[in-house]
All heavy atoms as atom14 arrays in JSON, in Angstrom:
{
  "sequence": "EINFFVDGVRQKGIPMRTGKSEEKSNLMVDERVTIGLENEKFLQVL",
  "atom14_mask": [
    [1, 1, 1, 1, 1, 1, 1, 1, 1, 0, 0, 0, 0, 0],
    [1, 1, 1, 1, 1, 1, 1, 1, 0, 0, 0, 0, 0, 0],
    [1, 1, 1, 1, 1, 1, 1, 1, 0, 0, 0, 0, 0, 0],
    [1, 1, 1, 1, 1, 1, 1, 1, 1, 1, 1, 0, 0, 0],
    [1, 1, 1, 1, 1, 1, 1, 1, 1, 1, 1, 0, 0, 0],
    [1, 1, 1, 1, 1, 1, 1, 0, 0, 0, 0, 0, 0, 0],
    [1, 1, 1, 1, 1, 1, 1, 1, 0, 0, 0, 0, 0, 0],
    [1, 1, 1, 1, 0, 0, 0, 0, 0, 0, 0, 0, 0, 0],
    [1, 1, 1, 1, 1, 1, 1, 0, 0, 0, 0, 0, 0, 0],
    [1, 1, 1, 1, 1, 1, 1, 1, 1, 1, 1, 0, 0, 0],
    [1, 1, 1, 1, 1, 1, 1, 1, 1, 0, 0, 0, 0, 0],
    [1, 1, 1, 1, 1, 1, 1, 1, 1, 0, 0, 0, 0, 0],
    [1, 1, 1, 1, 0, 0, 0, 0, 0, 0, 0, 0, 0, 0],
    [1, 1, 1, 1, 1, 1, 1, 1, 0, 0, 0, 0, 0, 0],
    [1, 1, 1, 1, 1, 1, 1, 0, 0, 0, 0, 0, 0, 0],
    [1, 1, 1, 1, 1, 1, 1, 1, 0, 0, 0, 0, 0, 0],
    [1, 1, 1, 1, 1, 1, 1, 1, 1, 1, 1, 0, 0, 0],
    [1, 1, 1, 1, 1, 1, 1, 0, 0, 0, 0, 0, 0, 0],
    [1, 1, 1, 1, 0, 0, 0, 0, 0, 0, 0, 0, 0, 0],
    [1, 1, 1, 1, 1, 1, 1, 1, 1, 0, 0, 0, 0, 0],
    [1, 1, 1, 1, 1, 1, 0, 0, 0, 0, 0, 0, 0, 0],
    [1, 1, 1, 1, 1, 1, 1, 1, 1, 0, 0, 0, 0, 0],
    [1, 1, 1, 1, 1, 1, 1, 1, 1, 0, 0, 0, 0, 0],
    [1, 1, 1, 1, 1, 1, 1, 1, 1, 0, 0, 0, 0, 0],
    [1, 1, 1, 1, 1, 1, 0, 0, 0, 0, 0, 0, 0, 0],
    [1, 1, 1, 1, 1, 1, 1, 1, 0, 0, 0, 0, 0, 0],
    [1, 1, 1, 1, 1, 1, 1, 1, 0, 0, 0, 0, 0, 0],
    [1, 1, 1, 1, 1, 1, 1, 1, 0, 0, 0, 0, 0, 0],
    [1, 1, 1, 1, 1, 1, 1, 0, 0, 0, 0, 0, 0, 0],
    [1, 1, 1, 1, 1, 1, 1, 1, 0, 0, 0, 0, 0, 0],
    [1, 1, 1, 1, 1, 1, 1, 1, 1, 0, 0, 0, 0, 0],
    [1, 1, 1, 1, 1, 1, 1, 1, 1, 1, 1, 0, 0, 0],
    [1, 1, 1, 1, 1, 1, 1, 0, 0, 0, 0, 0, 0, 0],
    [1, 1, 1, 1, 1, 1, 1, 0, 0, 0, 0, 0, 0, 0],
    [1, 1, 1, 1, 1, 1, 1, 1, 0, 0, 0, 0, 0, 0],
    [1, 1, 1, 1, 0, 0, 0, 0, 0, 0, 0, 0, 0, 0],
    [1, 1, 1, 1, 1, 1, 1, 1, 0, 0, 0, 0, 0, 0],
    [1, 1, 1, 1, 1, 1, 1, 1, 1, 0, 0, 0, 0, 0],
    [1, 1, 1, 1, 1, 1, 1, 1, 0, 0, 0, 0, 0, 0],
    [1, 1, 1, 1, 1, 1, 1, 1, 1, 0, 0, 0, 0, 0],
    [1, 1, 1, 1, 1, 1, 1, 1, 1, 0, 0, 0, 0, 0],
    [1, 1, 1, 1, 1, 1, 1, 1, 1, 1, 1, 0, 0, 0],
    [1, 1, 1, 1, 1, 1, 1, 1, 0, 0, 0, 0, 0, 0],
    [1, 1, 1, 1, 1, 1, 1, 1, 1, 0, 0, 0, 0, 0],
    [1, 1, 1, 1, 1, 1, 1, 0, 0, 0, 0, 0, 0, 0],
    [1, 1, 1, 1, 1, 1, 1, 1, 0, 0, 0, 0, 0, 0]
  ],
  "atom14_positions": [
    [[-10.63, -20.22, 28.02], [-11.24, -18.89, 28.05], [-10.3, -17.81, 27.53], [-10.7, -16.95, 26.75], [-11.65, -18.52, 29.48], [-12.87, -19.24, 30.0], [-13.18, -18.8, 31.41], [-12.63, -19.41, 32.34], [-13.95, -17.83, 31.57], [0.0, 0.0, 0.0], [0.0, 0.0, 0.0], [0.0, 0.0, 0.0], [0.0, 0.0, 0.0], [0.0, 0.0, 0.0]],
    [[-9.05, -17.87, 27.97], [-8.08, -16.85, 27.56], [-7.79, -16.95, 26.07], [-7.78, -15.94, 25.36], [-6.79, -16.96, 28.4], [-7.09, -16.53, 29.84], [-5.68, -16.1, 27.81], [-5.96, -16.77, 30.82], [0.0, 0.0, 0.0], [0.0, 0.0, 0.0], [0.0, 0.0, 0.0], [0.0, 0.0, 0.0], [0.0, 0.0, 0.0], [0.0, 0.0, 0.0]],
    [[-7.58, -18.16, 25.57], [-7.31, -18.33, 24.14], [-8.5, -17.91, 23.28], [-8.32, -17.29, 22.23], [-6.89, -19.76, 23.83], [-5.48, -20.04, 24.27], [-4.6, -19.2, 24.16], [-5.25, -21.23, 24.79], [0.0, 0.0, 0.0], [0.0, 0.0, 0.0], [0.0, 0.0, 0.0], [0.0, 0.0, 0.0], [0.0, 0.0, 0.0], [0.0, 0.0, 0.0]],
    [[-9.71, -18.21, 23.72], [-10.91, -17.8, 22.99], [-11.0, -16.27, 22.94], [-11.26, -15.68, 21.9], [-12.16, -18.39, 23.66], [-13.44, -18.04, 22.97], [-13.8, -18.68, 21.79], [-14.28, -17.07, 23.48], [-14.98, -18.34, 21.13], [-15.46, -16.73, 22.84], [-15.81, -17.37, 21.66], [0.0, 0.0, 0.0], [0.0, 0.0, 0.0], [0.0, 0.0, 0.0]],
    [[-10.75, -15.62, 24.07], [-10.79, -14.16, 24.13], [-9.74, -13.54, 23.21], [-10.03, -12.65, 22.42], [-10.57, -13.7, 25.58], [-10.29, -12.24, 25.71], [-11.27, -11.3, 25.47], [-9.02, -11.8, 26.06], [-11.0, -9.95, 25.58], [-8.74, -10.45, 26.18], [-9.74, -9.52, 25.93], [0.0, 0.0, 0.0], [0.0, 0.0, 0.0], [0.0, 0.0, 0.0]],
    [[-8.5, -14.05, 23.28], [-7.41, -13.49, 22.47], [-7.65, -13.72, 20.99], [-7.4, -12.84, 20.16], [-6.04, -14.05, 22.92], [-4.94, -13.63, 21.97], [-5.73, -13.58, 24.33], [0.0, 0.0, 0.0], [0.0, 0.0, 0.0], [0.0, 0.0, 0.0], [0.0, 0.0, 0.0], [0.0, 0.0, 0.0], [0.0, 0.0, 0.0], [0.0, 0.0, 0.0]],
    [[-8.16, -14.89, 20.62], [-8.47, -15.15, 19.21], [-9.51, -14.17, 18.69], [-9.42, -13.7, 17.56], [-8.95, -16.59, 19.01], [-7.83, -17.6, 19.1], [-6.64, -17.21, 19.0], [-8.13, -18.8, 19.28], [0.0, 0.0, 0.0], [0.0, 0.0, 0.0], [0.0, 0.0, 0.0], [0.0, 0.0, 0.0], [0.0, 0.0, 0.0], [0.0, 0.0, 0.0]],
    [[-10.49, -13.84, 19.52], [-11.52, -12.87, 19.12], [-10.96, -11.5, 18.85], [-11.27, -10.88, 17.83], [0.0, 0.0, 0.0], [0.0, 0.0, 0.0], [0.0, 0.0, 0.0], [0.0, 0.0, 0.0], [0.0, 0.0, 0.0], [0.0, 0.0, 0.0], [0.0, 0.0, 0.0], [0.0, 0.0, 0.0], [0.0, 0.0, 0.0], [0.0, 0.0, 0.0]],
    [[-10.1, -11.0, 19.75], [-9.54, -9.66, 19.53], [-8.49, -9.68, 18.42], [-8.3, -8.67, 17.75], [-8.95, -9.04, 20.82], [-10.03, -8.84, 21.85], [-7.81, -9.83, 21.38], [0.0, 0.0, 0.0], [0.0, 0.0, 0.0], [0.0, 0.0, 0.0], [0.0, 0.0, 0.0], [0.0, 0.0, 0.0], [0.0, 0.0, 0.0], [0.0, 0.0, 0.0]],
    [[-7.85, -10.81, 18.22], [-6.88, -10.92, 17.12], [-7.59, -10.8, 15.78], [-7.12, -10.13, 14.87], [-6.15, -12.26, 17.21], [-5.11, -12.45, 16.13], [-4.46, -13.81, 16.24], [-3.51, -13.8, 17.34], [-3.22, -14.86, 18.09], [-3.82, -16.01, 17.89], [-2.34, -14.76, 19.06], [0.0, 0.0, 0.0], [0.0, 0.0, 0.0], [0.0, 0.0, 0.0]],
    [[-8.75, -11.43, 15.65], [-9.47, -11.43, 14.38], [-10.28, -10.15, 14.14], [-10.3, -9.62, 13.04], [-10.42, -12.62, 14.31], [-9.71, -13.94, 14.24], [-10.68, -15.11, 14.35], [-11.88, -14.94, 14.36], [-10.13, -16.32, 14.45], [0.0, 0.0, 0.0], [0.0, 0.0, 0.0], [0.0, 0.0, 0.0], [0.0, 0.0, 0.0], [0.0, 0.0, 0.0]],
    [[-10.96, -9.67, 15.19], [-11.89, -8.56, 15.02], [-11.35, -7.21, 15.47], [-11.94, -6.18, 15.16], [-13.17, -8.83, 15.81], [-13.9, -10.08, 15.38], [-15.07, -10.33, 16.28], [-15.69, -11.69, 15.99], [-16.68, -12.05, 17.0], [0.0, 0.0, 0.0], [0.0, 0.0, 0.0], [0.0, 0.0, 0.0], [0.0, 0.0, 0.0], [0.0, 0.0, 0.0]],
    [[-10.27, -7.2, 16.25], [-9.81, -5.96, 16.84], [-10.6, -5.65, 18.09], [-11.45, -6.43, 18.52], [0.0, 0.0, 0.0], [0.0, 0.0, 0.0], [0.0, 0.0, 0.0], [0.0, 0.0, 0.0], [0.0, 0.0, 0.0], [0.0, 0.0, 0.0], [0.0, 0.0, 0.0], [0.0, 0.0, 0.0], [0.0, 0.0, 0.0], [0.0, 0.0, 0.0]],
    [[-10.33, -4.51, 18.68], [-11.01, -4.1, 19.91], [-11.79, -2.83, 19.62], [-11.2, -1.8, 19.29], [-9.98, -3.83, 21.03], [-9.12, -5.07, 21.27], [-10.69, -3.41, 22.31], [-7.93, -4.82, 22.16], [0.0, 0.0, 0.0], [0.0, 0.0, 0.0], [0.0, 0.0, 0.0], [0.0, 0.0, 0.0], [0.0, 0.0, 0.0], [0.0, 0.0, 0.0]],
    [[-13.12, -2.89, 19.74], [-13.9, -1.68, 19.52], [-13.69, -0.7, 20.67], [-13.67, -1.09, 21.84], [-15.34, -2.17, 19.48], [-15.33, -3.5, 20.13], [-13.95, -4.04, 20.03], [0.0, 0.0, 0.0], [0.0, 0.0, 0.0], [0.0, 0.0, 0.0], [0.0, 0.0, 0.0], [0.0, 0.0, 0.0], [0.0, 0.0, 0.0], [0.0, 0.0, 0.0]],
    [[-13.5, 0.56, 20.32], [-13.28, 1.58, 21.32], [-14.11, 2.8, 20.97], [-14.14, 3.21, 19.81], [-11.79, 1.95, 21.37], [-11.44, 2.9, 22.48], [-9.66, 3.13, 22.62], [-9.41, 4.47, 21.49], [0.0, 0.0, 0.0], [0.0, 0.0, 0.0], [0.0, 0.0, 0.0], [0.0, 0.0, 0.0], [0.0, 0.0, 0.0], [0.0, 0.0, 0.0]],
    [[-14.79, 3.33, 21.95], [-15.61, 4.52, 21.73], [-14.87, 5.73, 22.27], [-14.33, 5.7, 23.38], [-16.95, 4.38, 22.41], [-17.76, 3.25, 21.8], [-19.04, 3.1, 22.51], [-19.97, 4.09, 21.96], [-21.25, 4.11, 22.23], [-21.77, 3.23, 23.04], [-22.03, 5.02, 21.69], [0.0, 0.0, 0.0], [0.0, 0.0, 0.0], [0.0, 0.0, 0.0]],
    [[-14.83, 6.77, 21.48], [-14.2, 8.01, 21.91], [-15.16, 9.16, 21.63], [-16.11, 9.02, 20.87], [-12.89, 8.27, 21.15], [-13.16, 8.36, 19.75], [-11.88, 7.17, 21.4], [0.0, 0.0, 0.0], [0.0, 0.0, 0.0], [0.0, 0.0, 0.0], [0.0, 0.0, 0.0], [0.0, 0.0, 0.0], [0.0, 0.0, 0.0], [0.0, 0.0, 0.0]],
    [[-14.89, 10.27, 22.22], [-15.71, 11.45, 21.97], [-14.81, 12.61, 21.56], [-13.67, 12.7, 21.98], [0.0, 0.0, 0.0], [0.0, 0.0, 0.0], [0.0, 0.0, 0.0], [0.0, 0.0, 0.0], [0.0, 0.0, 0.0], [0.0, 0.0, 0.0], [0.0, 0.0, 0.0], [0.0, 0.0, 0.0], [0.0, 0.0, 0.0], [0.0, 0.0, 0.0]],
    [[-15.33, 13.42, 20.71], [-14.59, 14.62, 20.33], [-15.59, 15.76, 20.2], [-16.76, 15.54, 19.89], [-13.81, 14.41, 19.04], [-14.65, 14.11, 17.82], [-13.78, 13.93, 16.59], [-14.67, 13.65, 15.39], [-13.92, 13.49, 14.18], [0.0, 0.0, 0.0], [0.0, 0.0, 0.0], [0.0, 0.0, 0.0], [0.0, 0.0, 0.0], [0.0, 0.0, 0.0]],
    [[-15.13, 16.96, 20.44], [-16.05, 18.1, 20.37], [-16.0, 18.71, 18.98], [-14.96, 18.74, 18.32], [-15.69, 19.14, 21.43], [-14.39, 19.62, 21.2], [0.0, 0.0, 0.0], [0.0, 0.0, 0.0], [0.0, 0.0, 0.0], [0.0, 0.0, 0.0], [0.0, 0.0, 0.0], [0.0, 0.0, 0.0], [0.0, 0.0, 0.0], [0.0, 0.0, 0.0]],
    [[-17.13, 19.16, 18.55], [-17.24, 19.86, 17.27], [-16.72, 21.28, 17.46], [-16.99, 21.93, 18.47], [-18.7, 19.9, 16.8], [-19.2, 18.57, 16.28], [-18.54, 18.19, 14.98], [-18.36, 19.06, 14.1], [-18.21, 17.01, 14.83], [0.0, 0.0, 0.0], [0.0, 0.0, 0.0], [0.0, 0.0, 0.0], [0.0, 0.0, 0.0], [0.0, 0.0, 0.0]],
    [[-15.98, 21.76, 16.48], [-15.38, 23.09, 16.59], [-16.41, 24.22, 16.62], [-16.24, 25.2, 17.34], [-14.41, 23.32, 15.44], [-13.18, 22.44, 15.53], [-12.23, 22.68, 14.38], [-12.25, 23.78, 13.8], [-11.47, 21.76, 14.07], [0.0, 0.0, 0.0], [0.0, 0.0, 0.0], [0.0, 0.0, 0.0], [0.0, 0.0, 0.0], [0.0, 0.0, 0.0]],
    [[-17.45, 24.1, 15.83], [-18.39, 25.22, 15.69], [-19.54, 25.19, 16.68], [-20.33, 26.1, 16.72], [-18.95, 25.23, 14.26], [-17.87, 25.47, 13.23], [-18.43, 25.48, 11.84], [-17.29, 25.68, 10.84], [-17.76, 25.67, 9.48], [0.0, 0.0, 0.0], [0.0, 0.0, 0.0], [0.0, 0.0, 0.0], [0.0, 0.0, 0.0], [0.0, 0.0, 0.0]],
    [[-19.64, 24.14, 17.48], [-20.73, 24.07, 18.44], [-20.22, 23.42, 19.73], [-19.08, 23.0, 19.82], [-21.89, 23.25, 17.86], [-21.5, 21.91, 17.7], [0.0, 0.0, 0.0], [0.0, 0.0, 0.0], [0.0, 0.0, 0.0], [0.0, 0.0, 0.0], [0.0, 0.0, 0.0], [0.0, 0.0, 0.0], [0.0, 0.0, 0.0], [0.0, 0.0, 0.0]],
    [[-21.08, 23.35, 20.7], [-20.71, 22.75, 21.98], [-21.13, 21.28, 22.06], [-21.33, 20.77, 23.15], [-21.35, 23.53, 23.13], [-20.75, 24.91, 23.26], [-19.58, 25.1, 22.92], [-21.52, 25.86, 23.75], [0.0, 0.0, 0.0], [0.0, 0.0, 0.0], [0.0, 0.0, 0.0], [0.0, 0.0, 0.0], [0.0, 0.0, 0.0], [0.0, 0.0, 0.0]],
    [[-21.25, 20.62, 20.94], [-21.67, 19.22, 20.91], [-20.49, 18.27, 20.99], [-19.41, 18.56, 20.49], [-22.43, 18.92, 19.62], [-23.74, 19.67, 19.39], [-24.29, 19.33, 18.02], [-24.73, 19.31, 20.47], [0.0, 0.0, 0.0], [0.0, 0.0, 0.0], [0.0, 0.0, 0.0], [0.0, 0.0, 0.0], [0.0, 0.0, 0.0], [0.0, 0.0, 0.0]],
    [[-20.71, 17.17, 21.66], [-19.72, 16.08, 21.66], [-20.2, 15.03, 20.68], [-21.37, 14.65, 20.68], [-19.61, 15.45, 23.05], [-18.91, 16.31, 24.08], [-17.18, 16.55, 23.73], [-16.51, 14.97, 24.13], [0.0, 0.0, 0.0], [0.0, 0.0, 0.0], [0.0, 0.0, 0.0], [0.0, 0.0, 0.0], [0.0, 0.0, 0.0], [0.0, 0.0, 0.0]],
    [[-19.29, 14.55, 19.86], [-19.62, 13.55, 18.86], [-19.02, 12.22, 19.31], [-17.83, 12.13, 19.62], [-19.06, 13.96, 17.48], [-19.33, 12.87, 16.45], [-19.64, 15.28, 17.04], [0.0, 0.0, 0.0], [0.0, 0.0, 0.0], [0.0, 0.0, 0.0], [0.0, 0.0, 0.0], [0.0, 0.0, 0.0], [0.0, 0.0, 0.0], [0.0, 0.0, 0.0]],
    [[-19.87, 11.21, 19.37], [-19.44, 9.87, 19.76], [-18.85, 9.19, 18.53], [-19.45, 9.18, 17.46], [-20.64, 9.08, 20.28], [-20.25, 7.78, 20.93], [-19.15, 7.7, 21.49], [-21.07, 6.84, 20.88], [0.0, 0.0, 0.0], [0.0, 0.0, 0.0], [0.0, 0.0, 0.0], [0.0, 0.0, 0.0], [0.0, 0.0, 0.0], [0.0, 0.0, 0.0]],
    [[-17.66, 8.65, 18.69], [-16.97, 8.03, 17.56], [-16.54, 6.62, 17.95], [-16.02, 6.41, 19.04], [-15.75, 8.88, 17.2], [-15.0, 8.41, 15.99], [-13.85, 9.35, 15.67], [-13.13, 9.76, 16.59], [-13.67, 9.65, 14.48], [0.0, 0.0, 0.0], [0.0, 0.0, 0.0], [0.0, 0.0, 0.0], [0.0, 0.0, 0.0], [0.0, 0.0, 0.0]],
    [[-16.76, 5.66, 17.07], [-16.36, 4.28, 17.33], [-15.18, 3.95, 16.44], [-15.23, 4.12, 15.23], [-17.5, 3.32, 17.04], [-17.14, 1.9, 17.37], [-18.36, 0.99, 17.23], [-18.03, -0.34, 17.67], [-17.95, -1.38, 16.88], [-18.24, -1.26, 15.6], [-17.63, -2.57, 17.35], [0.0, 0.0, 0.0], [0.0, 0.0, 0.0], [0.0, 0.0, 0.0]],
    [[-14.1, 3.46, 17.08], [-12.89, 3.12, 16.36], [-12.54, 1.68, 16.73], [-12.72, 1.26, 17.87], [-11.73, 4.05, 16.79], [-10.45, 3.71, 16.08], [-12.09, 5.5, 16.58], [0.0, 0.0, 0.0], [0.0, 0.0, 0.0], [0.0, 0.0, 0.0], [0.0, 0.0, 0.0], [0.0, 0.0, 0.0], [0.0, 0.0, 0.0], [0.0, 0.0, 0.0]],
    [[-12.02, 0.92, 15.77], [-11.56, -0.43, 16.05], [-10.04, -0.43, 16.08], [-9.39, -0.05, 15.12], [-12.07, -1.43, 14.99], [-13.5, -1.39, 14.99], [-11.61, -2.83, 15.29], [0.0, 0.0, 0.0], [0.0, 0.0, 0.0], [0.0, 0.0, 0.0], [0.0, 0.0, 0.0], [0.0, 0.0, 0.0], [0.0, 0.0, 0.0], [0.0, 0.0, 0.0]],
    [[-9.49, -0.85, 17.22], [-8.04, -0.92, 17.39], [-7.59, -2.33, 17.02], [-8.0, -3.3, 17.65], [-7.64, -0.61, 18.86], [-8.2, 0.74, 19.31], [-6.14, -0.7, 19.04], [-7.64, 1.93, 18.59], [0.0, 0.0, 0.0], [0.0, 0.0, 0.0], [0.0, 0.0, 0.0], [0.0, 0.0, 0.0], [0.0, 0.0, 0.0], [0.0, 0.0, 0.0]],
    [[-6.79, -2.41, 15.98], [-6.3, -3.71, 15.5], [-4.88, -3.97, 15.96], [-4.23, -3.14, 16.6], [0.0, 0.0, 0.0], [0.0, 0.0, 0.0], [0.0, 0.0, 0.0], [0.0, 0.0, 0.0], [0.0, 0.0, 0.0], [0.0, 0.0, 0.0], [0.0, 0.0, 0.0], [0.0, 0.0, 0.0], [0.0, 0.0, 0.0], [0.0, 0.0, 0.0]],
    [[-4.38, -5.14, 15.61], [-3.03, -5.55, 15.99], [-1.95, -4.6, 15.51], [-0.89, -4.49, 16.13], [-2.72, -6.94, 15.44], [-3.32, -8.13, 16.17], [-2.98, -9.41, 15.43], [-2.83, -8.2, 17.58], [0.0, 0.0, 0.0], [0.0, 0.0, 0.0], [0.0, 0.0, 0.0], [0.0, 0.0, 0.0], [0.0, 0.0, 0.0], [0.0, 0.0, 0.0]],
    [[-2.19, -3.92, 14.42], [-1.18, -3.04, 13.84], [-1.03, -1.73, 14.6], [-0.07, -1.0, 14.41], [-1.5, -2.75, 12.37], [-2.69, -1.85, 12.14], [-4.06, -2.5, 12.37], [-4.15, -3.73, 12.46], [-5.04, -1.74, 12.45], [0.0, 0.0, 0.0], [0.0, 0.0, 0.0], [0.0, 0.0, 0.0], [0.0, 0.0, 0.0], [0.0, 0.0, 0.0]],
    [[-1.96, -1.43, 15.5], [-1.96, -0.17, 16.22], [-1.05, -0.24, 17.44], [-1.09, -1.19, 18.22], [-3.39, 0.17, 16.66], [-3.54, 1.6, 17.11], [-2.72, 2.12, 17.84], [-4.61, 2.21, 16.66], [0.0, 0.0, 0.0], [0.0, 0.0, 0.0], [0.0, 0.0, 0.0], [0.0, 0.0, 0.0], [0.0, 0.0, 0.0], [0.0, 0.0, 0.0]],
    [[-0.25, 0.78, 17.63], [0.69, 0.86, 18.76], [-0.03, 0.84, 20.11], [0.52, 0.4, 21.11], [1.5, 2.16, 18.62], [2.61, 2.3, 19.59], [3.89, 1.57, 19.17], [4.04, 1.24, 17.99], [4.72, 1.35, 20.06], [0.0, 0.0, 0.0], [0.0, 0.0, 0.0], [0.0, 0.0, 0.0], [0.0, 0.0, 0.0], [0.0, 0.0, 0.0]],
    [[-1.28, 1.28, 20.14], [-2.06, 1.34, 21.38], [-2.73, 0.01, 21.72], [-3.45, -0.07, 22.71], [-3.15, 2.41, 21.26], [-2.65, 3.8, 21.06], [-3.85, 4.73, 20.91], [-3.43, 6.13, 20.56], [-4.59, 6.99, 20.35], [0.0, 0.0, 0.0], [0.0, 0.0, 0.0], [0.0, 0.0, 0.0], [0.0, 0.0, 0.0], [0.0, 0.0, 0.0]],
    [[-2.53, -1.02, 20.91], [-3.27, -2.27, 21.06], [-3.19, -2.84, 22.48], [-4.21, -3.16, 23.08], [-2.78, -3.31, 20.04], [-3.53, -4.6, 20.12], [-4.79, -4.72, 19.54], [-3.0, -5.7, 20.77], [-5.5, -5.91, 19.62], [-3.69, -6.89, 20.85], [-4.94, -6.99, 20.27], [0.0, 0.0, 0.0], [0.0, 0.0, 0.0], [0.0, 0.0, 0.0]],
    [[-2.0, -2.99, 23.03], [-1.87, -3.6, 24.36], [-2.48, -2.73, 25.46], [-3.05, -3.25, 26.41], [-0.41, -3.91, 24.7], [0.11, -5.25, 24.24], [1.49, -5.52, 24.83], [-0.8, -6.4, 24.53], [0.0, 0.0, 0.0], [0.0, 0.0, 0.0], [0.0, 0.0, 0.0], [0.0, 0.0, 0.0], [0.0, 0.0, 0.0], [0.0, 0.0, 0.0]],
    [[-2.38, -1.42, 25.33], [-2.98, -0.54, 26.33], [-4.49, -0.69, 26.34], [-5.11, -0.8, 27.4], [-2.6, 0.92, 26.05], [-3.18, 1.9, 27.05], [-2.68, 1.66, 28.46], [-1.5, 1.49, 28.68], [-3.58, 1.64, 29.42], [0.0, 0.0, 0.0], [0.0, 0.0, 0.0], [0.0, 0.0, 0.0], [0.0, 0.0, 0.0], [0.0, 0.0, 0.0]],
    [[-5.08, -0.72, 25.16], [-6.54, -0.89, 25.06], [-6.93, -2.29, 25.53], [-7.92, -2.46, 26.24], [-7.02, -0.63, 23.61], [-8.49, -0.93, 23.45], [-6.72, 0.81, 23.22], [0.0, 0.0, 0.0], [0.0, 0.0, 0.0], [0.0, 0.0, 0.0], [0.0, 0.0, 0.0], [0.0, 0.0, 0.0], [0.0, 0.0, 0.0], [0.0, 0.0, 0.0]],
    [[-6.14, -3.3, 25.18], [-6.41, -4.67, 25.63], [-6.35, -4.76, 27.15], [-7.17, -5.43, 27.77], [-5.41, -5.63, 24.99], [-5.63, -7.12, 25.27], [-6.98, -7.58, 24.75], [-4.52, -7.94, 24.64], [0.0, 0.0, 0.0], [0.0, 0.0, 0.0], [0.0, 0.0, 0.0], [0.0, 0.0, 0.0], [0.0, 0.0, 0.0], [0.0, 0.0, 0.0]]
  ]
}
């Protein structure tokens, strides 16, 4: 199970959803980012 899980995140990265506010309005924009192995935040997100 662990090896299958790690192989999946190694190949595809980890999808992460974030929100940010638009400057000109009070809207929040949903943003999807994929955190890959090259990202310094990888282990924190994992």
